[in-house]
Amino acid sequence: MKKILVIHGPNLNLLGKREPEVYGKVTIDQINKKLKEIAMKNKVDIEVFQSNHEGEIVDKI
């Protein structure tokens, strides 16, 4: 099975909350839910990860 790691970087946890008139009203949880649905339909293993800390992102990779 194919595996995909989706990395959401700094401040993306604020999507839908911070300046929705600029960034939209969709939250990171809604995005992740949709990504997981698409992955399941395509028989792909997906892991989503978000961090505001660059070092954590590098460690995850």
C-alpha atoms as a PDB file:
ATOM      1  CA  MET A   1       0.000   0.000   0.000  1.00  0.00           C
ATOM      2  CA  LYS A   2       1.256   3.474  -0.845  1.00  0.00           C
ATOM      3  CA  LYS A   3       1.866   5.850   2.037  1.00  0.00           C
ATOM      4  CA  ILE A   4       1.613   9.628   2.044  1.00  0.00           C
ATOM      5  CA  LEU A   5       2.765  11.994   4.763  1.00  0.00           C
ATOM      6  CA  VAL A   6       1.020  15.374   4.686  1.00  0.00           C
ATOM      7  CA  ILE A   7       2.873  18.039   6.628  1.00  0.00           C
ATOM      8  CA  HIS A   8       1.042  21.197   7.597  1.00  0.00           C
ATOM      9  CA  GLY A   9       3.518  23.885   8.577  1.00  0.00           C
ATOM     10  CA  PRO A  10       3.481  26.827  10.953  1.00  0.00           C
ATOM     11  CA  ASN A  11       0.177  28.534  11.715  1.00  0.00           C
ATOM     12  CA  LEU A  12      -1.898  26.224   9.538  1.00  0.00           C
ATOM     13  CA  ASN A  13      -3.621  25.082  12.717  1.00  0.00           C
ATOM     14  CA  LEU A  14      -5.238  28.542  12.652  1.00  0.00           C
ATOM     15  CA  LEU A  15      -6.969  28.027   9.295  1.00  0.00           C
ATOM     16  CA  GLY A  16     -10.621  28.968   9.531  1.00  0.00           C
ATOM     17  CA  LYS A  17      -9.998  30.921  12.724  1.00  0.00           C
ATOM     18  CA  ARG A  18      -7.477  33.622  11.882  1.00  0.00           C
ATOM     19  CA  GLU A  19      -8.526  36.159   9.265  1.00  0.00           C
ATOM     20  CA  PRO A  20     -11.154  33.973   7.578  1.00  0.00           C
ATOM     21  CA  GLU A  21     -11.813  36.781   5.089  1.00  0.00           C
ATOM     22  CA  VAL A  22      -8.248  36.270   3.839  1.00  0.00           C
ATOM     23  CA  TYR A  23      -7.592  32.549   4.412  1.00  0.00           C
ATOM     24  CA  GLY A  24     -11.130  31.187   4.214  1.00  0.00           C
ATOM     25  CA  LYS A  25     -13.368  29.444   6.713  1.00  0.00           C
ATOM     26  CA  VAL A  26     -12.188  25.873   6.165  1.00  0.00           C
ATOM     27  CA  THR A  27     -10.332  24.497   9.194  1.00  0.00           C
ATOM     28  CA  ILE A  28      -7.340  22.195   9.213  1.00  0.00           C
ATOM     29  CA  ASP A  29      -9.545  19.462  10.700  1.00  0.00           C
ATOM     30  CA  GLN A  30     -11.932  19.745   7.756  1.00  0.00           C
ATOM     31  CA  ILE A  31      -9.027  19.573   5.321  1.00  0.00           C
ATOM     32  CA  ASN A  32      -7.582  16.533   7.089  1.00  0.00           C
ATOM     33  CA  LYS A  33     -10.946  14.773   7.094  1.00  0.00           C
ATOM     34  CA  LYS A  34     -11.307  15.286   3.339  1.00  0.00           C
ATOM     35  CA  LEU A  35      -7.735  14.117   2.704  1.00  0.00           C
ATOM     36  CA  LYS A  36      -8.383  10.940   4.706  1.00  0.00           C
ATOM     37  CA  GLU A  37     -11.612  10.268   2.797  1.00  0.00           C
ATOM     38  CA  ILE A  38      -9.812  10.628  -0.530  1.00  0.00           C
ATOM     39  CA  ALA A  39      -6.957   8.414   0.661  1.00  0.00           C
ATOM     40  CA  MET A  40      -9.348   5.703   1.816  1.00  0.00           C
ATOM     41  CA  LYS A  41     -11.161   5.702  -1.538  1.00  0.00           C
ATOM     42  CA  ASN A  42      -7.820   5.307  -3.301  1.00  0.00           C
ATOM     43  CA  LYS A  43      -6.452   2.679  -0.899  1.00  0.00           C
ATOM     44  CA  VAL A  44      -3.625   4.903   0.257  1.00  0.00           C
ATOM     45  CA  ASP A  45      -2.320   5.094   3.810  1.00  0.00           C
ATOM     46  CA  ILE A  46      -2.156   8.728   4.869  1.00  0.00           C
ATOM     47  CA  GLU A  47      -0.671  10.403   7.912  1.00  0.00           C
ATOM     48  CA  VAL A  48      -1.251  14.078   8.607  1.00  0.00           C
ATOM     49  CA  PHE A  49       1.039  16.107  10.810  1.00  0.00           C
ATOM     50  CA  GLN A  50       1.030  19.764  11.810  1.00  0.00           C
ATOM     51  CA  SER A  51       3.580  21.686  13.785  1.00  0.00           C
ATOM     52  CA  ASN A  52       4.466  25.293  14.391  1.00  0.00           C
ATOM     53  CA  HIS A  53       8.041  24.214  15.118  1.00  0.00           C
ATOM     54  CA  GLU A  54      10.441  23.713  12.234  1.00  0.00           C
ATOM     55  CA  GLY A  55      12.530  21.210  14.194  1.00  0.00           C
ATOM     56  CA  GLU A  56       9.533  18.940  14.773  1.00  0.00           C
ATOM     57  CA  ILE A  57       8.785  18.991  11.054  1.00  0.00           C
ATOM     58  CA  VAL A  58      12.378  18.070  10.216  1.00  0.00           C
ATOM     59  CA  ASP A  59      12.291  15.272  12.805  1.00  0.00           C
ATOM     60  CA  LYS A  60       9.072  13.925  11.284  1.00  0.00           C
ATOM     61  CA  ILE A  61      10.636  13.747   7.835  1.00  0.00           C
END
